[in-house]
Amino acid sequence: MLSIPLNTLKLTGIFLFSWVLGAGVLVAIFSIAYIKFLLSLPLKYSRNFFLAGLIFISGTLGMEMLGGWIVENYGREGITYSIVFTIEETLEITGIILLINTLLQYTQEHLQSLSFTFDKKTPETERAKTETAVLEPAL
C-alpha cells in the first residue's frame, strides 16, 4: 500500500524500490519506541536482539537498495542481481533464526514452564459438544 504513493515520485538508484523509504521510516520509529525495552534486558539478550534486527534490516533494506541500483544499471537478468537477491534472503533468514534462538534461550532461562494449546474449533466439534451435553443426564 505504501509503495503506490511512493512510486509516483519516480525515484531512481538505491531508491528504485521506493518502499524502502517508508520501511526505513517505520524501522526508525519502531527502534525509537523499543530502545528502552531493549536496554532493560540483560546484555546477552539485548545484544542478540539488536544483532538479529541489524542482520534482518541489512538484508531487507540494505540489500534491497543495492538491488535497486543494480536493476537500474544492469537489469534483473544478470548474475549480479541474483547474487544480491540471494544475500538479501540469506540475511533475512539469518536474522530470523537468531531472533528465534534468542527468544528460546530467554524462555528456557527465565520461565518455569511454557505450554501451547491448539483448539481447532470447527462446526463439527462444536455440534458434537452440544450433542454430548444434551445426552448427558442431569444430576
Protein backbone atom coordinates (compact mmCIF):
# COMPACT_ATOMS: atom_id res chain seq x y z
CA MET A 1 0.00 0.00 0.00
CA LEU A 2 2.82 2.38 0.82
CA SER A 3 4.56 1.65 -2.48
CA ILE A 4 1.79 3.12 -4.64
CA PRO A 5 2.11 6.74 -3.47
CA LEU A 6 5.90 6.45 -3.27
CA ASN A 7 6.09 5.11 -6.85
CA THR A 8 4.65 8.41 -8.08
CA LEU A 9 7.93 10.04 -7.00
CA LYS A 10 9.73 8.15 -9.82
CA LEU A 11 12.81 7.54 -7.69
CA THR A 12 15.97 6.01 -9.11
CA GLY A 13 19.18 4.41 -7.92
CA ILE A 14 19.13 2.90 -4.46
CA PHE A 15 15.52 4.13 -4.06
CA LEU A 16 14.28 2.46 -7.25
CA PHE A 17 12.23 0.17 -4.99
CA SER A 18 10.55 3.11 -3.31
CA TRP A 19 9.00 1.09 -0.49
CA VAL A 20 12.38 1.16 1.28
CA LEU A 21 11.81 4.83 2.16
CA GLY A 22 8.60 4.10 4.04
CA ALA A 23 10.06 0.97 5.58
CA GLY A 24 13.11 2.92 6.75
CA VAL A 25 10.88 5.45 8.49
CA LEU A 26 8.87 2.67 10.14
CA VAL A 27 12.06 0.92 11.29
CA ALA A 28 13.31 4.19 12.80
CA ILE A 29 10.00 4.74 14.65
CA PHE A 30 9.94 1.14 15.89
CA SER A 31 13.58 1.38 17.02
CA ILE A 32 12.97 4.57 18.98
CA ALA A 33 9.82 3.14 20.56
CA TYR A 34 11.54 -0.07 21.72
CA ILE A 35 15.04 1.12 22.63
CA LYS A 36 14.13 1.48 26.32
CA PHE A 37 12.76 -2.07 26.38
CA LEU A 38 15.83 -3.42 24.60
CA LEU A 39 18.18 -1.71 27.05
CA SER A 40 16.23 -3.06 30.03
CA LEU A 41 17.02 -6.65 29.04
CA PRO A 42 20.13 -8.47 30.22
CA LEU A 43 23.09 -7.61 27.98
CA LYS A 44 23.23 -11.05 26.40
CA TYR A 45 19.65 -10.78 25.13
CA SER A 46 19.65 -7.13 24.17
CA ARG A 47 22.84 -7.66 22.18
CA ASN A 48 21.40 -10.67 20.35
CA PHE A 49 18.04 -8.98 19.68
CA PHE A 50 19.87 -5.93 18.32
CA LEU A 51 22.13 -8.12 16.19
CA ALA A 52 19.16 -10.11 14.86
CA GLY A 53 17.39 -6.89 13.89
CA LEU A 54 20.51 -5.41 12.34
CA ILE A 55 21.12 -8.51 10.24
CA PHE A 56 17.47 -8.68 9.15
CA ILE A 57 17.25 -4.98 8.27
CA SER A 58 20.60 -5.15 6.45
CA GLY A 59 19.08 -7.78 4.22
CA THR A 60 15.64 -6.26 3.91
CA LEU A 61 16.57 -2.63 3.33
CA GLY A 62 20.30 -2.59 2.64
CA MET A 63 20.43 -5.30 0.03
CA GLU A 64 17.10 -4.18 -1.48
CA MET A 65 18.58 -0.72 -2.00
CA LEU A 66 21.70 -2.21 -3.57
CA GLY A 67 19.44 -4.39 -5.69
CA GLY A 68 17.57 -1.30 -6.92
CA TRP A 69 20.80 0.28 -8.04
CA ILE A 70 21.86 -2.93 -9.81
CA VAL A 71 18.48 -3.30 -11.54
CA GLU A 72 18.64 0.29 -12.78
CA ASN A 73 22.19 -0.06 -14.10
CA TYR A 74 22.41 -3.70 -15.20
CA GLY A 75 18.90 -5.15 -15.18
CA ARG A 76 17.44 -8.14 -13.35
CA GLU A 77 18.74 -10.82 -15.69
CA GLY A 78 22.42 -10.80 -14.74
CA ILE A 79 24.19 -12.90 -12.16
CA THR A 80 24.93 -9.80 -10.09
CA TYR A 81 21.29 -9.22 -9.19
CA SER A 82 20.85 -12.93 -8.44
CA ILE A 83 23.77 -12.82 -6.02
CA VAL A 84 22.42 -9.71 -4.27
CA PHE A 85 18.96 -11.26 -4.09
CA THR A 86 20.43 -14.43 -2.55
CA ILE A 87 22.45 -12.44 0.00
CA GLU A 88 19.31 -10.45 0.86
CA GLU A 89 17.28 -13.57 1.56
CA THR A 90 20.14 -15.18 3.49
CA LEU A 91 20.50 -12.15 5.76
CA GLU A 92 16.76 -12.04 6.40
CA ILE A 93 16.60 -15.74 7.32
CA THR A 94 19.75 -15.47 9.46
CA GLY A 95 18.23 -12.56 11.39
CA ILE A 96 15.02 -14.51 11.98
CA ILE A 97 16.94 -17.60 13.13
CA LEU A 98 18.99 -15.52 15.59
CA LEU A 99 15.81 -13.88 16.91
CA ILE A 100 14.09 -17.23 17.45
CA ASN A 101 17.20 -18.69 19.06
CA THR A 102 17.46 -15.73 21.46
CA LEU A 103 13.77 -15.95 22.33
CA LEU A 104 14.11 -19.67 23.07
CA GLN A 105 17.19 -19.08 25.24
CA TYR A 106 15.37 -16.36 27.17
CA THR A 107 12.34 -18.59 27.61
CA GLN A 108 14.47 -21.51 28.81
CA GLU A 109 16.37 -19.41 31.34
CA HIS A 110 13.60 -17.16 32.67
CA LEU A 111 10.34 -19.08 32.53
CA GLN A 112 9.48 -22.06 34.69
CA SER A 113 7.17 -23.55 32.11
CA LEU A 114 5.62 -22.72 28.80
CA SER A 115 2.76 -24.51 27.14
CA PHE A 116 0.74 -24.11 24.00
CA THR A 117 -2.77 -25.33 23.35
CA PHE A 118 -4.29 -25.57 19.93
CA ASP A 119 -8.04 -25.92 19.95
CA LYS A 120 -9.37 -26.46 16.50
CA LYS A 121 -12.95 -25.28 16.60
CA THR A 122 -14.98 -26.47 13.68
CA PRO A 123 -18.73 -26.68 13.27
CA GLU A 124 -18.46 -30.47 13.71
CA THR A 125 -16.64 -30.28 17.08
CA GLU A 126 -18.99 -27.59 18.37
CA ARG A 127 -22.00 -29.68 17.31
CA ALA A 128 -20.52 -32.77 18.99
CA LYS A 129 -20.03 -30.83 22.24
CA THR A 130 -23.62 -29.64 22.12
CA GLU A 131 -24.94 -33.15 21.40
CA THR A 132 -22.83 -34.60 24.20
CA ALA A 133 -24.12 -32.01 26.62
CA VAL A 134 -27.71 -32.83 25.69
CA LEU A 135 -27.21 -36.61 26.05
CA GLU A 136 -25.57 -36.45 29.49
CA PRO A 137 -28.02 -36.96 32.33
CA ALA A 138 -28.54 -34.06 34.65
CA LEU A 139 -27.57 -34.66 38.26
